[in-house]
């Protein structure tokens, strides 16, 4: 199984060399390094690595804190790997999801995270009951008084929170939107975005358009992505989709493209639901001749 190493340091003054040496000694055939905070979920190098991993690959780090600073983020990354048929290993921690022991450790961590969330919910409910019994009313006094300044402040805070959530998920959708729009209809762009994502992280048409409009408004995406898609000949649709998948990951294998098309429930040129590498190769050749790739 191919081993893909990921090393991270927080500042430019730090060196990832010790991590890279340990990953190389562990047999990693690919090494990726990044300078970013561990609390930043929208790390571009990590996003590219997670997009490139395929079935049977193993993402390897020296320690868990090199990948994620929170248990929730760690479990989220491992879920993404699992959805792609890939594994995770930490050299200095007892986690290797390719082994029964590693899976058990991961289940224990997941149970601990859920227990922590339950304790927080219980403490919050108890605090609210205690406050009400003491005659304290929750909420924002300015909002209760319908103060315009307080309403504006809350609105801006909600908008900032929404943008923070979009930035965390940006690696999932921004590269596809930037590359495919307006040449490809939103329906096909949406299916390409959702194909590698687990069910609980997939986008709806309305949610994606809202996110794109927010990024356009803030200047993070060009307004050209919102233009109406041009009409495409029906014979060019499948080559365009295959070219889009290949363009997002030039190293992706033909079989991985087959898996992606089946996840999108895209039918073959002959109307079948099961894809073969030969069909994908044919479409890629057509895409190249047409200038789509």
C-alpha atoms as a PDB file:
ATOM      1  CA  UNK A   1       0.000   0.000   0.000  1.00  0.00           C
ATOM      2  CA  UNK A   2       1.407   3.437  -0.924  1.00  0.00           C
ATOM      3  CA  UNK A   3       2.369   5.511   2.124  1.00  0.00           C
ATOM      4  CA  UNK A   4       1.867   9.271   1.844  1.00  0.00           C
ATOM      5  CA  UNK A   5       3.687  11.356   4.449  1.00  0.00           C
ATOM      6  CA  UNK A   6       2.442  14.715   5.752  1.00  0.00           C
ATOM      7  CA  UNK A   7       4.611  17.010   7.890  1.00  0.00           C
ATOM      8  CA  UNK A   8       3.524  20.328   9.402  1.00  0.00           C
ATOM      9  CA  UNK A   9       5.210  23.101  11.354  1.00  0.00           C
ATOM     10  CA  UNK A  10       3.505  26.240  12.603  1.00  0.00           C
ATOM     11  CA  UNK A  11       5.972  28.975  11.552  1.00  0.00           C
ATOM     12  CA  UNK A  12       8.556  29.651   8.867  1.00  0.00           C
ATOM     13  CA  UNK A  13      11.237  29.650  11.565  1.00  0.00           C
ATOM     14  CA  UNK A  14      10.591  25.974  12.329  1.00  0.00           C
ATOM     15  CA  UNK A  15      11.866  23.147  10.153  1.00  0.00           C
ATOM     16  CA  UNK A  16       9.901  20.048   9.165  1.00  0.00           C
ATOM     17  CA  UNK A  17      13.146  18.147   8.446  1.00  0.00           C
ATOM     18  CA  UNK A  18      12.969  15.776  11.485  1.00  0.00           C
ATOM     19  CA  UNK A  19       9.397  14.855  10.578  1.00  0.00           C
ATOM     20  CA  UNK A  20      10.316  14.308   6.910  1.00  0.00           C
ATOM     21  CA  UNK A  21      13.263  12.103   7.883  1.00  0.00           C
ATOM     22  CA  UNK A  22      11.047   9.957  10.141  1.00  0.00           C
ATOM     23  CA  UNK A  23       8.389   9.658   7.442  1.00  0.00           C
ATOM     24  CA  UNK A  24      10.991   8.711   4.838  1.00  0.00           C
ATOM     25  CA  UNK A  25      12.429   6.074   7.197  1.00  0.00           C
ATOM     26  CA  UNK A  26       8.899   4.668   7.641  1.00  0.00           C
ATOM     27  CA  UNK A  27       8.724   3.997   3.898  1.00  0.00           C
ATOM     28  CA  UNK A  28       6.642   6.918   2.647  1.00  0.00           C
ATOM     29  CA  UNK A  29       6.858   7.194  -1.140  1.00  0.00           C
ATOM     30  CA  UNK A  30       5.417  10.740  -1.145  1.00  0.00           C
ATOM     31  CA  UNK A  31       6.291  13.526   1.277  1.00  0.00           C
ATOM     32  CA  UNK A  32       4.304  16.745   1.722  1.00  0.00           C
ATOM     33  CA  UNK A  33       5.247  19.596   4.050  1.00  0.00           C
ATOM     34  CA  UNK A  34       3.257  22.616   5.186  1.00  0.00           C
ATOM     35  CA  UNK A  35       3.806  25.755   7.259  1.00  0.00           C
ATOM     36  CA  UNK A  36       0.462  26.457   8.946  1.00  0.00           C
ATOM     37  CA  UNK A  37      -1.225  26.548  12.310  1.00  0.00           C
ATOM     38  CA  UNK A  38      -2.616  23.265  13.545  1.00  0.00           C
ATOM     39  CA  UNK A  39      -5.861  25.034  14.417  1.00  0.00           C
ATOM     40  CA  UNK A  40      -6.352  26.091  10.778  1.00  0.00           C
ATOM     41  CA  UNK A  41      -8.561  23.512   9.069  1.00  0.00           C
ATOM     42  CA  UNK A  42      -8.309  25.153   5.637  1.00  0.00           C
ATOM     43  CA  UNK A  43      -4.678  24.175   4.981  1.00  0.00           C
ATOM     44  CA  UNK A  44      -4.053  24.065   1.206  1.00  0.00           C
ATOM     45  CA  UNK A  45      -1.375  21.336   1.242  1.00  0.00           C
ATOM     46  CA  UNK A  46      -3.459  19.071   3.492  1.00  0.00           C
ATOM     47  CA  UNK A  47      -6.513  19.708   1.298  1.00  0.00           C
ATOM     48  CA  UNK A  48      -4.585  18.640  -1.826  1.00  0.00           C
ATOM     49  CA  UNK A  49      -3.273  15.530  -0.074  1.00  0.00           C
ATOM     50  CA  UNK A  50      -6.774  14.509   1.042  1.00  0.00           C
ATOM     51  CA  UNK A  51      -8.066  15.076  -2.493  1.00  0.00           C
ATOM     52  CA  UNK A  52      -5.316  12.945  -4.045  1.00  0.00           C
ATOM     53  CA  UNK A  53      -5.372   9.894  -1.767  1.00  0.00           C
ATOM     54  CA  UNK A  54      -6.918   6.840  -3.366  1.00  0.00           C
ATOM     55  CA  UNK A  55      -8.191   3.441  -2.352  1.00  0.00           C
ATOM     56  CA  UNK A  56      -5.553   1.520  -0.399  1.00  0.00           C
ATOM     57  CA  UNK A  57      -3.326   4.557   0.263  1.00  0.00           C
ATOM     58  CA  UNK A  58      -2.254   5.408   3.826  1.00  0.00           C
ATOM     59  CA  UNK A  59      -1.760   8.951   5.103  1.00  0.00           C
ATOM     60  CA  UNK A  60       1.119   8.953   7.609  1.00  0.00           C
ATOM     61  CA  UNK A  61       2.099  11.615  10.163  1.00  0.00           C
ATOM     62  CA  UNK A  62       4.733  11.631  12.882  1.00  0.00           C
ATOM     63  CA  UNK A  63       2.282  12.585  15.669  1.00  0.00           C
ATOM     64  CA  UNK A  64      -1.422  13.292  15.830  1.00  0.00           C
ATOM     65  CA  UNK A  65      -0.886  16.987  16.578  1.00  0.00           C
ATOM     66  CA  UNK A  66       0.842  17.377  13.200  1.00  0.00           C
ATOM     67  CA  UNK A  67      -2.487  16.592  11.524  1.00  0.00           C
ATOM     68  CA  UNK A  68      -5.096  18.080  13.871  1.00  0.00           C
ATOM     69  CA  UNK A  69      -5.263  19.981  17.137  1.00  0.00           C
ATOM     70  CA  UNK A  70      -8.798  18.886  18.025  1.00  0.00           C
ATOM     71  CA  UNK A  71     -10.353  15.452  18.263  1.00  0.00           C
ATOM     72  CA  UNK A  72     -13.281  16.599  16.116  1.00  0.00           C
ATOM     73  CA  UNK A  73     -10.952  17.638  13.271  1.00  0.00           C
ATOM     74  CA  UNK A  74      -8.957  14.403  13.542  1.00  0.00           C
ATOM     75  CA  UNK A  75     -12.101  12.280  13.271  1.00  0.00           C
ATOM     76  CA  UNK A  76     -13.315  14.414  10.359  1.00  0.00           C
ATOM     77  CA  UNK A  77     -10.093  13.836   8.400  1.00  0.00           C
ATOM     78  CA  UNK A  78     -10.151  10.104   9.099  1.00  0.00           C
ATOM     79  CA  UNK A  79     -13.789   9.931   7.942  1.00  0.00           C
ATOM     80  CA  UNK A  80     -12.763  11.577   4.655  1.00  0.00           C
ATOM     81  CA  UNK A  81      -9.969   9.035   4.211  1.00  0.00           C
ATOM     82  CA  UNK A  82     -12.312   6.159   5.032  1.00  0.00           C
ATOM     83  CA  UNK A  83     -14.840   7.403   2.462  1.00  0.00           C
ATOM     84  CA  UNK A  84     -12.106   7.148  -0.198  1.00  0.00           C
ATOM     85  CA  UNK A  85     -11.009   3.684   0.934  1.00  0.00           C
ATOM     86  CA  UNK A  86      -7.764   5.048   2.421  1.00  0.00           C
ATOM     87  CA  UNK A  87      -6.151   4.589   5.839  1.00  0.00           C
ATOM     88  CA  UNK A  88      -4.396   6.704   8.470  1.00  0.00           C
ATOM     89  CA  UNK A  89      -1.316   6.031  10.589  1.00  0.00           C
ATOM     90  CA  UNK A  90       0.503   7.998  13.285  1.00  0.00           C
ATOM     91  CA  UNK A  91       4.075   6.832  13.868  1.00  0.00           C
ATOM     92  CA  UNK A  92       4.263   7.873  17.522  1.00  0.00           C
ATOM     93  CA  UNK A  93       0.646   7.138  18.511  1.00  0.00           C
ATOM     94  CA  UNK A  94      -1.215   3.800  18.613  1.00  0.00           C
ATOM     95  CA  UNK A  95      -3.397   4.576  15.613  1.00  0.00           C
ATOM     96  CA  UNK A  96      -3.300   2.668  12.345  1.00  0.00           C
ATOM     97  CA  UNK A  97      -6.759   2.359  10.814  1.00  0.00           C
ATOM     98  CA  UNK A  98      -5.557  -0.490   8.609  1.00  0.00           C
ATOM     99  CA  UNK A  99      -5.275  -2.684  11.739  1.00  0.00           C
ATOM    100  CA  UNK A 100      -8.013  -3.921  14.126  1.00  0.00           C
ATOM    101  CA  UNK A 101      -6.179  -2.362  17.094  1.00  0.00           C
ATOM    102  CA  UNK A 102      -6.015   1.011  15.381  1.00  0.00           C
ATOM    103  CA  UNK A 103      -9.710   0.914  14.518  1.00  0.00           C
ATOM    104  CA  UNK A 104     -10.521   0.073  18.135  1.00  0.00           C
ATOM    105  CA  UNK A 105      -8.450   3.035  19.362  1.00  0.00           C
ATOM    106  CA  UNK A 106     -10.297   5.278  16.925  1.00  0.00           C
ATOM    107  CA  UNK A 107     -13.672   4.026  18.200  1.00  0.00           C
ATOM    108  CA  UNK A 108     -12.579   4.800  21.768  1.00  0.00           C
ATOM    109  CA  UNK A 109     -11.594   8.321  20.727  1.00  0.00           C
ATOM    110  CA  UNK A 110     -14.943   8.797  18.999  1.00  0.00           C
ATOM    111  CA  UNK A 111     -16.817   7.606  22.100  1.00  0.00           C
ATOM    112  CA  UNK A 112     -14.774   9.986  24.269  1.00  0.00           C
ATOM    113  CA  UNK A 113     -15.600  12.893  21.967  1.00  0.00           C
ATOM    114  CA  UNK A 114     -19.318  12.103  22.088  1.00  0.00           C
ATOM    115  CA  UNK A 115     -19.172  11.801  25.903  1.00  0.00           C
ATOM    116  CA  UNK A 116     -17.486  15.214  26.100  1.00  0.00           C
ATOM    117  CA  UNK A 117     -20.202  16.770  23.911  1.00  0.00           C
ATOM    118  CA  UNK A 118     -22.913  15.200  26.105  1.00  0.00           C
ATOM    119  CA  UNK A 119     -21.297  16.648  29.271  1.00  0.00           C
ATOM    120  CA  UNK A 120     -21.164  20.115  27.704  1.00  0.00           C
ATOM    121  CA  UNK A 121     -24.847  19.925  26.721  1.00  0.00           C
ATOM    122  CA  UNK A 122     -25.805  18.776  30.237  1.00  0.00           C
ATOM    123  CA  UNK A 123     -23.803  21.564  31.912  1.00  0.00           C
ATOM    124  CA  UNK A 124     -25.374  24.130  29.578  1.00  0.00           C
ATOM    125  CA  UNK A 125     -28.919  22.960  30.367  1.00  0.00           C
ATOM    126  CA  UNK A 126     -28.201  22.968  34.116  1.00  0.00           C
ATOM    127  CA  UNK A 127     -26.815  26.504  33.908  1.00  0.00           C
ATOM    128  CA  UNK A 128     -29.894  27.762  32.069  1.00  0.00           C
ATOM    129  CA  UNK A 129     -32.251  26.171  34.642  1.00  0.00           C
ATOM    130  CA  UNK A 130     -30.258  27.728  37.503  1.00  0.00           C
ATOM    131  CA  UNK A 131     -30.317  31.159  35.859  1.00  0.00           C
ATOM    132  CA  UNK A 132     -34.066  31.042  35.270  1.00  0.00           C
ATOM    133  CA  UNK A 133     -34.722  29.986  38.865  1.00  0.00           C
ATOM    134  CA  UNK A 134     -32.706  33.012  40.020  1.00  0.00           C
ATOM    135  CA  UNK A 135     -34.839  35.317  37.863  1.00  0.00           C
ATOM    136  CA  UNK A 136     -32.199  35.979  35.212  1.00  0.00           C
ATOM    137  CA  UNK A 137     -33.512  36.124  31.654  1.00  0.00           C
ATOM    138  CA  UNK A 138     -31.198  34.958  28.918  1.00  0.00           C
ATOM    139  CA  UNK A 139     -30.598  36.630  25.609  1.00  0.00           C
ATOM    140  CA  UNK A 140     -29.322  39.960  24.401  1.00  0.00           C
ATOM    141  CA  UNK A 141     -30.859  42.988  26.200  1.00  0.00           C
ATOM    142  CA  UNK A 142     -30.382  45.124  23.104  1.00  0.00           C
ATOM    143  CA  UNK A 143     -32.317  42.649  20.954  1.00  0.00           C
ATOM    144  CA  UNK A 144     -35.125  42.490  23.509  1.00  0.00           C
ATOM    145  CA  UNK A 145     -35.301  46.296  23.352  1.00  0.00           C
ATOM    146  CA  UNK A 146     -35.197  46.148  19.505  1.00  0.00           C
ATOM    147  CA  UNK A 147     -32.106  48.358  19.449  1.00  0.00           C
ATOM    148  CA  UNK A 148     -30.986  48.793  15.769  1.00  0.00           C
ATOM    149  CA  UNK A 149     -27.292  48.879  16.758  1.00  0.00           C
ATOM    150  CA  UNK A 150     -27.612  45.602  18.679  1.00  0.00           C
ATOM    151  CA  UNK A 151     -29.426  43.980  15.741  1.00  0.00           C
ATOM    152  CA  UNK A 152     -26.706  45.107  13.345  1.00  0.00           C
ATOM    153  CA  UNK A 153     -23.996  43.742  15.647  1.00  0.00           C
ATOM    154  CA  UNK A 154     -25.699  40.342  15.862  1.00  0.00           C
ATOM    155  CA  UNK A 155     -26.202  40.270  12.097  1.00  0.00           C
ATOM    156  CA  UNK A 156     -22.526  40.984  11.476  1.00  0.00           C
ATOM    157  CA  UNK A 157     -21.491  38.333  14.014  1.00  0.00           C
ATOM    158  CA  UNK A 158     -23.676  35.745  12.297  1.00  0.00           C
ATOM    159  CA  UNK A 159     -22.232  36.698   8.915  1.00  0.00           C
ATOM    160  CA  UNK A 160     -18.689  36.368  10.274  1.00  0.00           C
ATOM    161  CA  UNK A 161     -19.501  32.938  11.721  1.00  0.00           C
ATOM    162  CA  UNK A 162     -20.985  31.859   8.391  1.00  0.00           C
ATOM    163  CA  UNK A 163     -17.855  32.971   6.520  1.00  0.00           C
ATOM    164  CA  UNK A 164     -15.634  31.116   9.012  1.00  0.00           C
ATOM    165  CA  UNK A 165     -17.567  27.913   8.306  1.00  0.00           C
ATOM    166  CA  UNK A 166     -17.247  28.502   4.554  1.00  0.00           C
ATOM    167  CA  UNK A 167     -13.473  28.991   4.879  1.00  0.00           C
ATOM    168  CA  UNK A 168     -13.166  25.633   6.681  1.00  0.00           C
ATOM    169  CA  UNK A 169     -15.002  23.836   3.863  1.00  0.00           C
ATOM    170  CA  UNK A 170     -13.436  25.912   1.050  1.00  0.00           C
ATOM    171  CA  UNK A 171     -11.012  23.174  -0.119  1.00  0.00           C
ATOM    172  CA  UNK A 172     -14.034  20.981  -0.910  1.00  0.00           C
ATOM    173  CA  UNK A 173     -15.702  23.355  -3.377  1.00  0.00           C
ATOM    174  CA  UNK A 174     -13.781  26.544  -4.226  1.00  0.00           C
ATOM    175  CA  UNK A 175     -11.188  24.936  -6.585  1.00  0.00           C
ATOM    176  CA  UNK A 176     -13.954  23.180  -8.548  1.00  0.00           C
ATOM    177  CA  UNK A 177     -16.109  26.304  -8.844  1.00  0.00           C
ATOM    178  CA  UNK A 178     -13.138  28.451  -9.865  1.00  0.00           C
ATOM    179  CA  UNK A 179     -12.053  25.944 -12.506  1.00  0.00           C
ATOM    180  CA  UNK A 180     -15.388  24.733 -13.909  1.00  0.00           C
ATOM    181  CA  UNK A 181     -17.697  27.746 -13.883  1.00  0.00           C
ATOM    182  CA  UNK A 182     -19.272  29.091 -16.053  1.00  0.00           C
ATOM    183  CA  UNK A 183     -18.262  26.464 -18.629  1.00  0.00           C
ATOM    184  CA  UNK A 184     -20.154  23.694 -16.799  1.00  0.00           C
ATOM    185  CA  UNK A 185     -23.760  23.775 -15.482  1.00  0.00           C
ATOM    186  CA  UNK A 186     -24.238  24.007 -11.728  1.00  0.00           C
ATOM    187  CA  UNK A 187     -25.863  20.554 -11.617  1.00  0.00           C
ATOM    188  CA  UNK A 188     -22.712  18.865 -12.933  1.00  0.00           C
ATOM    189  CA  UNK A 189     -20.382  21.014 -10.811  1.00  0.00           C
ATOM    190  CA  UNK A 190     -22.386  20.056  -7.723  1.00  0.00           C
ATOM    191  CA  UNK A 191     -22.135  16.349  -8.491  1.00  0.00           C
ATOM    192  CA  UNK A 192     -18.371  16.581  -9.056  1.00  0.00           C
ATOM    193  CA  UNK A 193     -17.963  18.390  -5.710  1.00  0.00           C
ATOM    194  CA  UNK A 194     -20.112  15.900  -3.797  1.00  0.00           C
ATOM    195  CA  UNK A 195     -18.728  12.668  -5.283  1.00  0.00           C
ATOM    196  CA  UNK A 196     -15.689  12.314  -2.940  1.00  0.00           C
ATOM    197  CA  UNK A 197     -17.428  13.742   0.158  1.00  0.00           C
ATOM    198  CA  UNK A 198     -19.123  11.723   2.911  1.00  0.00           C
ATOM    199  CA  UNK A 199     -22.911  12.012   3.004  1.00  0.00           C
ATOM    200  CA  UNK A 200     -22.995  14.407   5.964  1.00  0.00           C
ATOM    201  CA  UNK A 201     -20.757  16.948   4.179  1.00  0.00           C
ATOM    202  CA  UNK A 202     -22.383  17.059   0.756  1.00  0.00           C
ATOM    203  CA  UNK A 203     -23.697  20.306  -0.659  1.00  0.00           C
ATOM    204  CA  UNK A 204     -27.179  21.136  -1.858  1.00  0.00           C
ATOM    205  CA  UNK A 205     -27.723  23.334  -4.918  1.00  0.00           C
ATOM    206  CA  UNK A 206     -29.078  26.232  -2.849  1.00  0.00           C
ATOM    207  CA  UNK A 207     -26.356  26.040  -0.191  1.00  0.00           C
ATOM    208  CA  UNK A 208     -23.601  26.006  -2.815  1.00  0.00           C
ATOM    209  CA  UNK A 209     -25.018  29.025  -4.667  1.00  0.00           C
ATOM    210  CA  UNK A 210     -25.318  30.941  -1.399  1.00  0.00           C
ATOM    211  CA  UNK A 211     -21.674  30.178  -0.583  1.00  0.00           C
ATOM    212  CA  UNK A 212     -20.507  31.203  -4.059  1.00  0.00           C
ATOM    213  CA  UNK A 213     -22.438  34.494  -3.898  1.00  0.00           C
ATOM    214  CA  UNK A 214     -20.876  35.224  -0.486  1.00  0.00           C
ATOM    215  CA  UNK A 215     -17.381  34.620  -1.874  1.00  0.00           C
ATOM    216  CA  UNK A 216     -18.121  36.772  -4.946  1.00  0.00           C
ATOM    217  CA  UNK A 217     -19.428  39.569  -2.707  1.00  0.00           C
ATOM    218  CA  UNK A 218     -16.200  39.514  -0.653  1.00  0.00           C
ATOM    219  CA  UNK A 219     -14.002  39.378  -3.763  1.00  0.00           C
ATOM    220  CA  UNK A 220     -12.785  35.834  -3.102  1.00  0.00           C
ATOM    221  CA  UNK A 221     -14.238  34.575  -6.390  1.00  0.00           C
ATOM    222  CA  UNK A 222     -14.718  36.347  -9.700  1.00  0.00           C
ATOM    223  CA  UNK A 223     -18.305  37.276 -10.549  1.00  0.00           C
ATOM    224  CA  UNK A 224     -17.851  35.398 -13.839  1.00  0.00           C
ATOM    225  CA  UNK A 225     -18.579  32.135 -11.991  1.00  0.00           C
ATOM    226  CA  UNK A 226     -22.199  33.283 -11.623  1.00  0.00           C
ATOM    227  CA  UNK A 227     -22.724  33.751 -15.348  1.00  0.00           C
ATOM    228  CA  UNK A 228     -25.105  31.455 -17.102  1.00  0.00           C
ATOM    229  CA  UNK A 229     -23.451  28.326 -18.478  1.00  0.00           C
ATOM    230  CA  UNK A 230     -23.336  28.076 -22.235  1.00  0.00           C
ATOM    231  CA  UNK A 231     -25.169  25.306 -24.009  1.00  0.00           C
ATOM    232  CA  UNK A 232     -23.076  22.220 -24.555  1.00  0.00           C
ATOM    233  CA  UNK A 233     -23.648  19.477 -27.085  1.00  0.00           C
ATOM    234  CA  UNK A 234     -24.897  16.300 -25.415  1.00  0.00           C
ATOM    235  CA  UNK A 235     -21.965  14.346 -26.864  1.00  0.00           C
ATOM    236  CA  UNK A 236     -19.517  16.689 -25.117  1.00  0.00           C
ATOM    237  CA  UNK A 237     -21.033  16.399 -21.642  1.00  0.00           C
ATOM    238  CA  UNK A 238     -19.324  13.172 -20.515  1.00  0.00           C
ATOM    239  CA  UNK A 239     -15.875  14.176 -21.838  1.00  0.00           C
ATOM    240  CA  UNK A 240     -16.272  17.501 -20.004  1.00  0.00           C
ATOM    241  CA  UNK A 241     -17.118  15.770 -16.717  1.00  0.00           C
ATOM    242  CA  UNK A 242     -14.232  13.307 -17.032  1.00  0.00           C
ATOM    243  CA  UNK A 243     -11.881  16.168 -17.961  1.00  0.00           C
ATOM    244  CA  UNK A 244     -13.039  18.090 -14.868  1.00  0.00           C
ATOM    245  CA  UNK A 245     -12.279  15.127 -12.585  1.00  0.00           C
ATOM    246  CA  UNK A 246      -8.872  14.631 -14.209  1.00  0.00           C
ATOM    247  CA  UNK A 247      -8.131  18.362 -14.048  1.00  0.00           C
ATOM    248  CA  UNK A 248      -8.740  18.414 -10.289  1.00  0.00           C
ATOM    249  CA  UNK A 249      -6.212  15.612  -9.765  1.00  0.00           C
ATOM    250  CA  UNK A 250      -3.824  15.021 -12.695  1.00  0.00           C
ATOM    251  CA  UNK A 251      -2.423  11.896 -10.993  1.00  0.00           C
ATOM    252  CA  UNK A 252      -5.796  10.209 -10.508  1.00  0.00           C
ATOM    253  CA  UNK A 253      -6.018   6.690 -11.946  1.00  0.00           C
ATOM    254  CA  UNK A 254      -8.538   5.521 -14.518  1.00  0.00           C
ATOM    255  CA  UNK A 255     -10.103   3.194 -11.940  1.00  0.00           C
ATOM    256  CA  UNK A 256     -10.436   6.043  -9.451  1.00  0.00           C
ATOM    257  CA  UNK A 257     -12.244   8.081 -12.118  1.00  0.00           C
ATOM    258  CA  UNK A 258     -14.552   5.092 -12.649  1.00  0.00           C
ATOM    259  CA  UNK A 259     -15.294   5.022  -8.910  1.00  0.00           C
ATOM    260  CA  UNK A 260     -15.968   8.768  -8.912  1.00  0.00           C
ATOM    261  CA  UNK A 261     -18.375   8.511 -11.869  1.00  0.00           C
ATOM    262  CA  UNK A 262     -20.239   5.641 -10.218  1.00  0.00           C
ATOM    263  CA  UNK A 263     -20.498   7.689  -7.000  1.00  0.00           C
ATOM    264  CA  UNK A 264     -22.016  10.468  -9.123  1.00  0.00           C
ATOM    265  CA  UNK A 265     -24.428   7.893 -10.606  1.00  0.00           C
ATOM    266  CA  UNK A 266     -23.284   8.921 -14.052  1.00  0.00           C
ATOM    267  CA  UNK A 267     -24.150   6.439 -16.783  1.00  0.00           C
ATOM    268  CA  UNK A 268     -21.686   5.262 -19.424  1.00  0.00           C
ATOM    269  CA  UNK A 269     -22.104   6.279 -23.094  1.00  0.00           C
ATOM    270  CA  UNK A 270     -24.029   3.009 -23.523  1.00  0.00           C
ATOM    271  CA  UNK A 271     -26.293   3.700 -20.571  1.00  0.00           C
ATOM    272  CA  UNK A 272     -24.691   1.308 -18.078  1.00  0.00           C
ATOM    273  CA  UNK A 273     -24.141   2.053 -14.409  1.00  0.00           C
ATOM    274  CA  UNK A 274     -20.775   0.249 -14.110  1.00  0.00           C
ATOM    275  CA  UNK A 275     -17.745   2.027 -15.575  1.00  0.00           C
ATOM    276  CA  UNK A 276     -14.616   0.476 -17.056  1.00  0.00           C
ATOM    277  CA  UNK A 277     -11.160   2.121 -17.380  1.00  0.00           C
ATOM    278  CA  UNK A 278     -11.301   1.681 -21.160  1.00  0.00           C
ATOM    279  CA  UNK A 279     -14.420   3.853 -21.353  1.00  0.00           C
ATOM    280  CA  UNK A 280     -12.760   6.540 -19.232  1.00  0.00           C
ATOM    281  CA  UNK A 281      -9.637   6.433 -21.410  1.00  0.00           C
ATOM    282  CA  UNK A 282     -11.773   6.924 -24.523  1.00  0.00           C
ATOM    283  CA  UNK A 283     -13.524   9.939 -22.996  1.00  0.00           C
ATOM    284  CA  UNK A 284     -10.226  11.459 -21.882  1.00  0.00           C
ATOM    285  CA  UNK A 285      -8.886  11.143 -25.422  1.00  0.00           C
ATOM    286  CA  UNK A 286     -12.003  12.867 -26.759  1.00  0.00           C
ATOM    287  CA  UNK A 287     -11.651  15.587 -24.147  1.00  0.00           C
ATOM    288  CA  UNK A 288      -8.041  16.161 -25.145  1.00  0.00           C
ATOM    289  CA  UNK A 289      -8.903  16.371 -28.839  1.00  0.00           C
ATOM    290  CA  UNK A 290     -11.669  18.853 -28.025  1.00  0.00           C
ATOM    291  CA  UNK A 291      -9.402  21.049 -25.934  1.00  0.00           C
ATOM    292  CA  UNK A 292     -11.329  20.293 -22.728  1.00  0.00           C
ATOM    293  CA  UNK A 293      -8.377  18.766 -20.925  1.00  0.00           C
END
